[in-house]
Amino acid sequence: MNAKQKNLVSLLAAAAAAGGLGLYAYFGVMKPEEKTAQRKEADETLFAVNPPAERGTDAGTPAAPVFTSVSVEVPQSKTVMELQDGVWRVTSPVSSLADKMQVSTLISEIATAKFKATLDENPTDADLERYGLKPPRAIVTARAYVPDAQGGGKDDPARQHSVTFHMGVENVFDGTAYLRREGDPRVYLAGGALRFALQKSTHEWRDHQLFPVEEPSLLRIEVKARKNSLTLERTTTDKPWQLTQPEKMRADPERVAQMISDLKLRTALTFPNEAQEAKARKALEKPQVEATLTPKIGPPVHVRMVELVLDGAKQSFALSEWGSESVLAVVDSGTLNVLDLEAREFKDKKVLALQVNDVRQIIIHPSAGGEALTLAKAPDSGKWEVVAPMPGLAREFKVASLLGSLEKLKAAAIGESRTKNWARYGISDTSRGVSLMDSTGQVMARLWIGNQVKGNPERVWARGSSEDLFELDKSALDALPWKLEEFLDSSSAAARP
């Protein structure tokens, strides 16, 4: 075959290919589009609740429907959800709280969806198959009632409305979806958001929150874990936390809040199948972590967790129970560590326990050999005065700054607990520091500042209201006013040059 013949063959092949593409474009695209071109524009609501003659509650505006149940059937599952006492619940195939956001999104889409077009008035079975409507990709039934002017009408049959519709495949040309209502032979085009909102399994419709607790509402936290056990308590929600077991001491409120926040963020990864659930519940009879979280109002939340090997892999399970609710879920393995903490973790790093408003006298102790600086609050005027070593009015803002800083002063770290040898750290009765007294002259709080921490020149040892040894940042101490000239008001008549 010469070059001329080869070019002719190539030309014929290209023509044949072009002809094939043309046939494909006609029968595969243009032919269906002929039917699409015949579609009628539609301005019809999917969930119509008000006949034309029925007036709404606001000058003829139809009242928004209140949905009471939704059933969603997709190939992998059928899920029934109902509004019970103002709360959405999954009622079949399991009983659990429903994900409020997911349900709200679906209801909103159903309530507001309008057909973009009537695509086919009398579709054949072949057409329905092509649209993904035989069999359908999803079947949805939604029920609602239209409230009267007083918000009632839930049990009035005349106000009950429902719709069942079938959802087909996505129309790849514009992202819409094919839809057909039960009792209506026509095929419509609906927005793709509706299709996306309902394509979920039962597990996805369930509420994944396991630990419905808020730290500000709790009065007691009791934990028995693999390595540690502890109890935290407070008398009222506005009182500070106390660690009562395994030892008694003030608890760091920020650490308690952080623990509960971490726990609340641990949600269900998924939910076990029947075989997994049976094994998990058996193992949970001897949990590796067990806790009871008691709020001021409402039932306590009981938590049990366990890690076991299923199908050759480690899996962690958590069972959370409160009131009539019980949720068993697969969780991240780190969830078991959230509550398994040493008591040391909760030691309050606040150095001084005091109420600033109760302080009536301040004594600043200098280094050994120096003269103490005494400030007192005058009972008649309520103003702060320098008493010694030189009398005069005190700068109020400096006193307020000192007291505020001391009240908030926190340790950078906690060293030895309940030490008996304070002198080892340069802490004694003559140490530099400050004493705070009440109106009776009793010491409310005392700060002792000791030696530099070995190996860390930026920190010093200190003692405060507890028996713990603290490490304080020197920068925090250097920022405090300590000297007479910082407190003494130079305009005071009692001040001397």
Protein backbone atom coordinates (compact mmCIF):
# COMPACT_ATOMS: atom_id res chain seq x y z
CA MET A 1 0.00 0.00 0.00
CA ASN A 2 1.49 3.30 -1.11
CA ALA A 3 1.32 6.58 0.76
CA LYS A 4 -1.64 7.82 -1.27
CA GLN A 5 -3.64 4.69 -0.45
CA LYS A 6 -2.72 5.00 3.24
CA ASN A 7 -3.96 8.58 3.33
CA LEU A 8 -7.24 7.49 1.72
CA VAL A 9 -7.76 4.74 4.30
CA SER A 10 -7.02 7.17 7.12
CA LEU A 11 -9.49 9.67 5.69
CA LEU A 12 -12.21 7.02 5.43
CA ALA A 13 -11.53 5.86 9.00
CA ALA A 14 -11.78 9.41 10.27
CA ALA A 15 -15.01 9.92 8.37
CA ALA A 16 -16.44 6.72 9.83
CA ALA A 17 -15.43 7.80 13.33
CA ALA A 18 -16.96 11.21 12.80
CA GLY A 19 -20.10 9.56 11.55
CA GLY A 20 -20.19 7.32 14.62
CA LEU A 21 -19.78 10.31 16.90
CA GLY A 22 -22.54 12.06 15.05
CA LEU A 23 -24.87 9.10 15.49
CA TYR A 24 -23.93 8.91 19.18
CA ALA A 25 -24.51 12.61 19.62
CA TYR A 26 -27.94 12.28 18.02
CA PHE A 27 -29.20 9.11 19.68
CA GLY A 28 -27.27 9.49 22.93
CA VAL A 29 -27.71 13.22 23.50
CA MET A 30 -29.93 14.96 20.98
CA LYS A 31 -32.70 12.36 20.94
CA PRO A 32 -33.23 12.49 24.75
CA GLU A 33 -32.93 16.28 24.52
CA GLU A 34 -35.84 16.34 22.08
CA LYS A 35 -38.00 15.03 24.91
CA THR A 36 -36.30 17.43 27.30
CA ALA A 37 -37.03 20.30 24.95
CA GLN A 38 -40.71 19.44 25.21
CA ARG A 39 -40.66 19.74 28.98
CA LYS A 40 -42.91 22.34 30.54
CA GLU A 41 -41.68 24.91 32.99
CA ALA A 42 -43.12 24.10 36.41
CA ASP A 43 -43.66 26.36 39.40
CA GLU A 44 -45.13 23.78 41.70
CA THR A 45 -44.17 23.12 45.31
CA LEU A 46 -43.21 19.57 46.26
CA PHE A 47 -45.03 19.72 49.59
CA ALA A 48 -48.19 21.74 48.94
CA VAL A 49 -50.17 22.29 52.14
CA ASN A 50 -52.65 25.07 51.41
CA PRO A 51 -55.40 24.72 48.81
CA PRO A 52 -56.08 27.99 46.96
CA ALA A 53 -59.23 28.66 49.01
CA GLU A 54 -57.55 28.20 52.37
CA ARG A 55 -56.26 31.32 54.05
CA GLY A 56 -53.19 31.31 56.21
CA THR A 57 -52.70 32.86 59.62
CA ASP A 58 -51.18 36.15 58.48
CA ALA A 59 -53.33 38.13 56.04
CA GLY A 60 -53.62 35.22 53.68
CA THR A 61 -50.01 34.03 53.97
CA PRO A 62 -50.02 30.24 54.48
CA ALA A 63 -48.71 29.12 57.84
CA ALA A 64 -45.47 27.15 57.71
CA PRO A 65 -46.10 23.41 58.11
CA VAL A 66 -44.89 21.67 61.25
CA PHE A 67 -43.34 18.35 60.29
CA THR A 68 -44.00 15.43 62.60
CA SER A 69 -42.47 12.45 60.81
CA VAL A 70 -40.14 11.62 57.93
CA SER A 71 -39.37 8.22 56.45
CA VAL A 72 -36.33 7.84 54.18
CA GLU A 73 -35.71 4.59 52.31
CA VAL A 74 -32.47 4.20 50.39
CA PRO A 75 -30.86 0.97 49.11
CA GLN A 76 -28.84 0.42 52.29
CA SER A 77 -31.55 1.18 54.86
CA LYS A 78 -34.96 2.55 55.72
CA THR A 79 -35.09 5.10 58.52
CA VAL A 80 -38.16 6.47 60.24
CA MET A 81 -37.86 9.67 62.27
CA GLU A 82 -40.55 11.25 64.43
CA LEU A 83 -40.95 14.47 66.38
CA GLN A 84 -41.63 13.47 70.00
CA ASP A 85 -42.08 16.10 72.72
CA GLY A 86 -40.31 18.63 70.56
CA VAL A 87 -37.31 16.35 69.92
CA TRP A 88 -36.56 14.43 66.72
CA ARG A 89 -35.90 10.74 67.24
CA VAL A 90 -35.04 7.80 65.03
CA THR A 91 -37.81 5.29 65.77
CA SER A 92 -36.96 2.56 63.24
CA PRO A 93 -34.95 0.40 62.78
CA VAL A 94 -33.43 1.55 66.10
CA SER A 95 -34.53 3.92 68.84
CA SER A 96 -32.20 6.87 69.34
CA LEU A 97 -31.94 10.62 69.19
CA ALA A 98 -31.72 11.98 65.65
CA ASP A 99 -29.13 14.40 64.35
CA LYS A 100 -30.96 17.72 64.64
CA MET A 101 -28.98 19.43 61.91
CA GLN A 102 -29.43 16.63 59.37
CA VAL A 103 -33.17 16.38 60.02
CA SER A 104 -33.63 20.15 59.90
CA THR A 105 -31.82 20.33 56.57
CA LEU A 106 -33.99 17.58 55.06
CA ILE A 107 -37.22 19.12 56.34
CA SER A 108 -36.22 22.52 55.04
CA GLU A 109 -35.51 21.07 51.60
CA ILE A 110 -38.84 19.21 51.50
CA ALA A 111 -40.80 22.23 52.72
CA THR A 112 -39.29 24.68 50.23
CA ALA A 113 -38.52 22.51 47.19
CA LYS A 114 -40.09 23.58 43.93
CA PHE A 115 -39.98 21.68 40.68
CA LYS A 116 -37.75 23.27 38.09
CA ALA A 117 -39.64 21.63 35.27
CA THR A 118 -42.14 18.94 34.31
CA LEU A 119 -39.91 16.65 32.31
CA ASP A 120 -42.24 13.86 31.22
CA GLU A 121 -46.03 13.73 31.37
CA ASN A 122 -46.42 10.01 30.61
CA PRO A 123 -43.13 8.18 31.06
CA THR A 124 -42.77 4.59 29.95
CA ASP A 125 -41.11 1.92 32.11
CA ALA A 126 -37.99 2.35 30.00
CA ASP A 127 -38.05 6.08 30.70
CA LEU A 128 -38.42 5.46 34.43
CA GLU A 129 -35.47 3.12 34.38
CA ARG A 130 -33.40 5.76 32.59
CA TYR A 131 -34.37 8.38 35.20
CA GLY A 132 -33.41 6.03 38.03
CA LEU A 133 -37.04 5.82 39.16
CA LYS A 134 -37.62 2.13 38.49
CA PRO A 135 -36.52 1.14 40.99
CA PRO A 136 -36.16 4.54 42.70
CA ARG A 137 -32.91 5.56 44.37
CA ALA A 138 -34.87 6.81 47.39
CA ILE A 139 -38.44 6.80 48.68
CA VAL A 140 -39.43 9.56 51.11
CA THR A 141 -42.64 10.05 53.06
CA ALA A 142 -43.09 13.24 55.05
CA ARG A 143 -46.02 14.23 57.27
CA ALA A 144 -46.86 17.64 58.71
CA TYR A 145 -49.74 19.75 59.94
CA VAL A 146 -50.57 23.37 59.28
CA PRO A 147 -51.03 25.14 62.63
CA ASP A 148 -53.98 27.40 63.28
CA ALA A 149 -53.68 30.96 64.54
CA GLN A 150 -53.00 29.69 68.08
CA GLY A 151 -50.37 27.20 66.91
CA GLY A 152 -52.65 24.20 67.42
CA GLY A 153 -54.13 21.77 64.93
CA LYS A 154 -51.73 18.87 65.42
CA ASP A 155 -54.64 16.43 65.85
CA ASP A 156 -56.99 18.06 63.35
CA PRO A 157 -57.32 15.72 60.34
CA ALA A 158 -58.19 18.67 58.10
CA ARG A 159 -54.78 20.16 58.83
CA GLN A 160 -52.79 16.99 58.24
CA HIS A 161 -50.74 16.81 55.04
CA SER A 162 -48.33 14.25 53.68
CA VAL A 163 -46.33 13.53 50.59
CA THR A 164 -44.52 10.45 49.30
CA PHE A 165 -42.05 10.93 46.51
CA HIS A 166 -39.47 8.87 44.65
CA MET A 167 -36.05 10.26 43.88
CA GLY A 168 -34.08 9.16 40.83
CA VAL A 169 -30.55 9.68 39.61
CA GLU A 170 -28.73 12.95 39.15
CA ASN A 171 -29.13 14.80 35.87
CA VAL A 172 -25.46 15.27 35.03
CA PHE A 173 -26.16 18.23 32.74
CA ASP A 174 -27.19 20.64 35.50
CA GLY A 175 -27.02 18.74 38.81
CA THR A 176 -30.80 18.45 39.17
CA ALA A 177 -32.50 15.17 40.10
CA TYR A 178 -35.43 13.26 38.66
CA LEU A 179 -38.41 13.05 40.97
CA ARG A 180 -41.89 11.54 40.92
CA ARG A 181 -44.68 11.92 43.49
CA GLU A 182 -46.82 9.00 44.50
CA GLY A 183 -50.19 9.20 42.72
CA ASP A 184 -48.76 11.50 40.04
CA PRO A 185 -47.43 9.86 36.85
CA ARG A 186 -45.33 12.86 35.82
CA VAL A 187 -41.55 13.07 36.17
CA TYR A 188 -40.18 16.36 37.47
CA LEU A 189 -36.80 17.96 37.78
CA ALA A 190 -35.93 18.97 41.35
CA GLY A 191 -32.93 20.75 42.85
CA GLY A 192 -29.93 18.57 43.57
CA ALA A 193 -29.78 19.78 47.20
CA LEU A 194 -32.88 17.70 48.02
CA ARG A 195 -31.28 14.55 46.64
CA PHE A 196 -28.09 15.23 48.59
CA ALA A 197 -29.98 15.88 51.85
CA LEU A 198 -31.70 12.49 51.92
CA GLN A 199 -28.94 10.15 50.72
CA LYS A 200 -27.99 8.88 54.17
CA SER A 201 -28.01 5.60 56.04
CA THR A 202 -29.64 5.06 59.43
CA HIS A 203 -26.30 5.55 61.18
CA GLU A 204 -25.92 8.94 59.53
CA TRP A 205 -29.38 10.06 60.69
CA ARG A 206 -28.53 9.26 64.31
CA ASP A 207 -27.19 11.83 66.76
CA HIS A 208 -23.46 11.15 67.18
CA GLN A 209 -23.13 13.04 70.46
CA LEU A 210 -22.32 10.65 73.28
CA PHE A 211 -21.66 12.83 76.27
CA PRO A 212 -24.34 15.53 76.70
CA VAL A 213 -22.60 17.40 79.51
CA GLU A 214 -21.49 20.98 80.15
CA GLU A 215 -18.89 21.68 82.85
CA PRO A 216 -20.71 24.75 84.26
CA SER A 217 -23.75 22.57 85.08
CA LEU A 218 -21.87 19.78 86.91
CA LEU A 219 -21.58 19.28 90.67
CA ARG A 220 -19.75 15.95 90.83
CA ILE A 221 -17.41 13.93 88.61
CA GLU A 222 -16.46 10.41 89.68
CA VAL A 223 -14.03 8.36 87.58
CA LYS A 224 -12.68 4.82 87.90
CA ALA A 225 -10.21 4.14 85.10
CA ARG A 226 -7.49 1.70 84.11
CA LYS A 227 -4.71 3.61 85.86
CA ASN A 228 -6.37 6.26 87.95
CA SER A 229 -9.47 6.97 89.99
CA LEU A 230 -10.62 10.31 91.28
CA THR A 231 -13.59 12.32 92.49
CA LEU A 232 -14.18 16.02 91.91
CA GLU A 233 -16.94 17.87 93.74
CA ARG A 234 -18.34 21.31 94.46
CA THR A 235 -21.31 22.38 96.56
CA THR A 236 -22.86 24.70 93.95
CA THR A 237 -22.06 25.53 90.36
CA ASP A 238 -20.59 28.91 91.34
CA LYS A 239 -18.17 27.39 93.86
CA PRO A 240 -14.64 26.15 93.04
CA TRP A 241 -13.93 22.50 92.29
CA GLN A 242 -12.34 20.37 95.00
CA LEU A 243 -10.52 17.10 94.45
CA THR A 244 -11.86 14.83 97.21
CA GLN A 245 -10.37 11.50 96.11
CA PRO A 246 -7.66 10.15 96.18
CA GLU A 247 -6.60 13.22 98.18
CA LYS A 248 -8.22 16.47 99.21
CA MET A 249 -7.07 19.68 97.59
CA ARG A 250 -8.20 22.58 95.49
CA ALA A 251 -8.71 21.63 91.87
CA ASP A 252 -7.67 23.68 88.87
CA PRO A 253 -10.99 24.86 87.38
CA GLU A 254 -9.47 25.30 83.93
CA ARG A 255 -8.23 21.70 83.89
CA VAL A 256 -11.65 20.39 84.93
CA ALA A 257 -13.33 22.45 82.21
CA GLN A 258 -10.79 21.24 79.65
CA MET A 259 -11.41 17.58 80.55
CA ILE A 260 -15.17 17.91 80.14
CA SER A 261 -14.75 19.87 76.92
CA ASP A 262 -12.46 17.15 75.53
CA LEU A 263 -14.97 14.49 76.50
CA LYS A 264 -17.89 16.31 74.89
CA LEU A 265 -15.99 16.60 71.62
CA ARG A 266 -15.54 12.82 71.45
CA THR A 267 -18.45 11.71 69.29
CA ALA A 268 -19.44 8.38 67.81
CA LEU A 269 -17.38 7.25 64.84
CA THR A 270 -20.10 4.76 63.97
CA PHE A 271 -22.48 2.37 65.68
CA PRO A 272 -21.88 -1.38 66.11
CA ASN A 273 -23.80 -4.06 64.26
CA GLU A 274 -25.68 -6.74 66.20
CA ALA A 275 -22.70 -9.09 66.52
CA GLN A 276 -20.37 -6.31 67.65
CA GLU A 277 -22.93 -4.93 70.07
CA ALA A 278 -23.39 -8.26 71.84
CA LYS A 279 -19.62 -8.62 72.38
CA ALA A 280 -19.19 -5.00 73.39
CA ARG A 281 -21.99 -5.11 75.98
CA LYS A 282 -20.51 -8.27 77.46
CA ALA A 283 -17.10 -6.61 77.77
CA LEU A 284 -18.66 -3.48 79.26
CA GLU A 285 -19.79 -5.48 82.27
CA LYS A 286 -16.17 -4.97 83.39
CA PRO A 287 -15.34 -1.56 81.91
CA GLN A 288 -11.84 -0.19 81.65
CA VAL A 289 -13.15 3.31 82.25
CA GLU A 290 -16.29 4.11 84.22
CA ALA A 291 -17.57 7.56 85.16
CA THR A 292 -20.62 9.28 86.58
CA LEU A 293 -21.16 12.95 85.76
CA THR A 294 -23.80 14.52 88.00
CA PRO A 295 -25.36 17.87 86.98
CA LYS A 296 -27.23 20.27 89.21
CA ILE A 297 -30.42 19.68 87.22
CA GLY A 298 -31.36 16.55 85.33
CA PRO A 299 -30.25 12.93 85.47
CA PRO A 300 -26.60 11.91 85.88
CA VAL A 301 -24.70 10.70 82.83
CA HIS A 302 -23.19 7.25 83.31
CA VAL A 303 -20.28 6.40 81.05
CA ARG A 304 -18.56 3.06 80.47
CA MET A 305 -15.76 2.39 78.01
CA VAL A 306 -13.83 -0.66 76.89
CA GLU A 307 -11.27 -1.64 74.29
CA LEU A 308 -11.36 -5.13 72.75
CA VAL A 309 -10.18 -7.02 69.70
CA LEU A 310 -12.84 -7.76 67.09
CA ASP A 311 -12.06 -9.37 63.75
CA GLY A 312 -8.35 -9.07 64.48
CA ALA A 313 -8.42 -5.33 65.14
CA LYS A 314 -8.64 -3.23 68.30
CA GLN A 315 -11.84 -1.29 68.66
CA SER A 316 -13.00 1.06 71.40
CA PHE A 317 -16.60 1.26 72.56
CA ALA A 318 -18.40 3.73 74.79
CA LEU A 319 -21.79 3.29 76.41
CA SER A 320 -23.42 6.49 77.59
CA GLU A 321 -26.65 6.42 79.62
CA TRP A 322 -28.75 9.26 81.01
CA GLY A 323 -32.40 9.21 81.92
CA SER A 324 -34.17 6.97 79.40
CA GLU A 325 -31.40 7.37 76.80
CA SER A 326 -28.74 4.76 76.10
CA VAL A 327 -26.16 5.05 73.31
CA LEU A 328 -23.50 2.47 72.45
CA ALA A 329 -20.97 3.58 69.87
CA VAL A 330 -17.58 2.90 68.37
CA VAL A 331 -15.22 5.69 69.43
CA ASP A 332 -11.67 6.80 68.83
CA SER A 333 -9.21 4.93 71.04
CA GLY A 334 -8.08 8.20 72.61
CA THR A 335 -11.50 8.61 74.20
CA LEU A 336 -10.53 6.16 76.95
CA ASN A 337 -7.67 8.45 77.98
CA VAL A 338 -9.75 11.62 78.36
CA LEU A 339 -10.93 10.65 81.86
CA ASP A 340 -7.97 8.47 82.85
CA LEU A 341 -5.96 11.23 84.52
CA GLU A 342 -3.72 11.46 87.58
CA ALA A 343 -4.94 13.53 90.49
CA ARG A 344 -1.81 15.62 89.97
CA GLU A 345 -3.31 16.88 86.70
CA PHE A 346 -5.99 18.73 88.68
CA LYS A 347 -3.76 20.46 91.17
CA ASP A 348 -4.67 24.11 91.16
CA LYS A 349 -1.75 26.16 89.88
CA LYS A 350 -3.21 29.27 91.41
CA VAL A 351 -0.62 30.31 93.97
CA LEU A 352 -2.76 32.28 96.43
CA ALA A 353 -6.31 31.65 97.61
CA LEU A 354 -7.83 35.01 98.47
CA GLN A 355 -10.70 37.41 97.94
CA VAL A 356 -9.22 40.77 96.97
CA ASN A 357 -12.14 42.74 98.41
CA ASP A 358 -11.43 41.30 101.88
CA VAL A 359 -7.81 42.49 102.01
CA ARG A 360 -7.26 45.35 104.46
CA GLN A 361 -3.50 45.26 104.98
CA ILE A 362 -0.49 44.38 102.82
CA ILE A 363 3.04 43.73 104.05
CA ILE A 364 5.73 43.44 101.40
CA HIS A 365 8.70 41.53 102.79
CA PRO A 366 12.02 42.52 101.20
CA SER A 367 15.09 40.34 100.95
CA ALA A 368 16.88 39.58 104.20
CA GLY A 369 18.02 42.77 105.96
CA GLY A 370 15.59 45.09 104.18
CA GLU A 371 12.77 47.15 105.70
CA ALA A 372 9.21 45.91 105.23
CA LEU A 373 6.71 48.01 103.33
CA THR A 374 3.26 48.20 104.95
CA LEU A 375 0.07 49.40 103.31
CA ALA A 376 -3.34 49.65 104.99
CA LYS A 377 -6.85 50.53 103.93
CA ALA A 378 -8.23 53.39 106.03
CA PRO A 379 -11.54 52.29 107.62
CA ASP A 380 -13.10 55.76 107.37
CA SER A 381 -12.19 56.80 103.82
CA GLY A 382 -11.60 53.38 102.30
CA LYS A 383 -8.41 54.69 100.69
CA TRP A 384 -5.10 52.89 100.76
CA GLU A 385 -2.29 54.47 102.75
CA VAL A 386 1.41 53.78 103.15
CA VAL A 387 2.00 53.07 106.84
CA ALA A 388 5.70 52.20 106.87
CA PRO A 389 8.49 52.92 106.39
CA MET A 390 7.16 56.36 105.43
CA PRO A 391 3.53 57.42 105.93
CA GLY A 392 1.49 58.91 103.12
CA LEU A 393 -1.31 58.29 100.67
CA ALA A 394 -0.84 55.33 98.36
CA ARG A 395 -1.37 55.26 94.63
CA GLU A 396 -4.70 53.39 94.39
CA PHE A 397 -4.03 51.99 90.93
CA LYS A 398 -0.71 50.51 92.07
CA VAL A 399 -2.34 48.74 95.01
CA ALA A 400 -5.13 47.47 92.75
CA SER A 401 -2.54 46.27 90.24
CA LEU A 402 -0.62 44.37 92.95
CA LEU A 403 -3.73 42.71 94.40
CA GLY A 404 -5.15 41.82 91.00
CA SER A 405 -1.88 40.28 89.87
CA LEU A 406 -1.48 38.30 93.09
CA GLU A 407 -5.03 37.00 92.83
CA LYS A 408 -4.39 35.73 89.28
CA LEU A 409 -0.81 34.56 89.88
CA LYS A 410 -0.33 31.02 88.58
CA ALA A 411 2.60 28.66 88.83
CA ALA A 412 4.49 27.71 85.71
CA ALA A 413 4.86 24.22 87.21
CA ILE A 414 4.25 22.29 90.42
CA GLY A 415 7.20 20.68 92.10
CA GLU A 416 7.38 18.53 95.20
CA SER A 417 4.06 17.99 96.98
CA ARG A 418 3.74 18.63 100.70
CA THR A 419 7.44 19.21 101.16
CA LYS A 420 8.82 19.21 104.70
CA ASN A 421 12.13 20.84 103.87
CA TRP A 422 11.27 24.33 102.59
CA ALA A 423 14.71 25.66 103.53
CA ARG A 424 16.17 23.42 100.83
CA TYR A 425 14.50 25.72 98.30
CA GLY A 426 15.42 28.97 100.05
CA ILE A 427 12.01 29.39 101.63
CA SER A 428 11.77 30.51 105.28
CA ASP A 429 10.03 33.06 107.48
CA THR A 430 12.53 35.69 106.33
CA SER A 431 12.04 35.04 102.62
CA ARG A 432 11.11 37.82 100.24
CA GLY A 433 7.38 37.91 99.54
CA VAL A 434 4.08 39.44 100.59
CA SER A 435 1.46 38.93 103.32
CA LEU A 436 -2.21 39.85 102.92
CA MET A 437 -4.37 40.42 106.02
CA ASP A 438 -8.08 40.88 106.65
CA SER A 439 -9.79 43.44 108.91
CA THR A 440 -8.91 41.46 112.04
CA GLY A 441 -5.22 41.32 111.19
CA GLN A 442 -5.34 37.63 110.33
CA VAL A 443 -3.15 36.51 107.43
CA MET A 444 -5.39 35.56 104.51
CA ALA A 445 -2.57 34.58 102.16
CA ARG A 446 1.23 34.60 102.18
CA LEU A 447 3.65 34.35 99.28
CA TRP A 448 7.22 33.21 99.94
CA ILE A 449 9.81 33.56 97.17
CA GLY A 450 12.82 31.27 97.33
CA ASN A 451 15.89 30.37 95.33
CA GLN A 452 16.33 30.16 91.59
CA VAL A 453 15.27 26.82 90.13
CA LYS A 454 18.38 24.84 89.36
CA GLY A 455 18.97 24.65 85.64
CA ASN A 456 16.30 27.25 84.88
CA PRO A 457 17.42 30.83 85.61
CA GLU A 458 14.05 32.19 84.47
CA ARG A 459 12.20 30.57 87.37
CA VAL A 460 12.24 30.67 91.16
CA TRP A 461 10.81 28.39 93.84
CA ALA A 462 7.83 29.68 95.77
CA ARG A 463 5.29 28.75 98.41
CA GLY A 464 1.69 29.95 98.48
CA SER A 465 -1.62 28.99 100.06
CA SER A 466 -1.15 25.24 99.58
CA GLU A 467 1.57 22.88 100.73
CA ASP A 468 2.83 22.45 97.19
CA LEU A 469 6.15 23.71 95.92
CA PHE A 470 5.64 26.05 92.97
CA GLU A 471 7.85 27.20 90.13
CA LEU A 472 7.15 30.84 89.27
CA ASP A 473 8.31 32.76 86.24
CA LYS A 474 10.64 35.57 87.35
CA SER A 475 9.12 37.82 84.71
CA ALA A 476 5.71 37.56 86.40
CA LEU A 477 7.20 38.59 89.74
CA ASP A 478 9.38 41.35 88.26
CA ALA A 479 6.25 42.93 86.77
CA LEU A 480 4.75 43.46 90.25
CA PRO A 481 5.26 46.73 92.19
CA TRP A 482 7.49 46.06 95.20
CA LYS A 483 9.16 49.37 96.16
CA LEU A 484 8.05 52.30 98.33
CA GLU A 485 8.49 54.85 95.54
CA GLU A 486 6.09 52.85 93.36
CA PHE A 487 3.29 53.07 95.94
CA LEU A 488 3.81 56.43 97.66
CA ASP A 489 1.77 59.27 96.20
CA SER A 490 4.28 62.12 95.82
CA SER A 491 1.51 64.69 96.08
CA SER A 492 0.59 63.47 99.55
CA ALA A 493 1.11 65.99 102.32
CA ALA A 494 2.63 63.27 104.41
CA ALA A 495 5.17 62.39 101.76
CA ARG A 496 8.73 63.52 102.37
CA PRO A 497 11.49 64.04 99.82
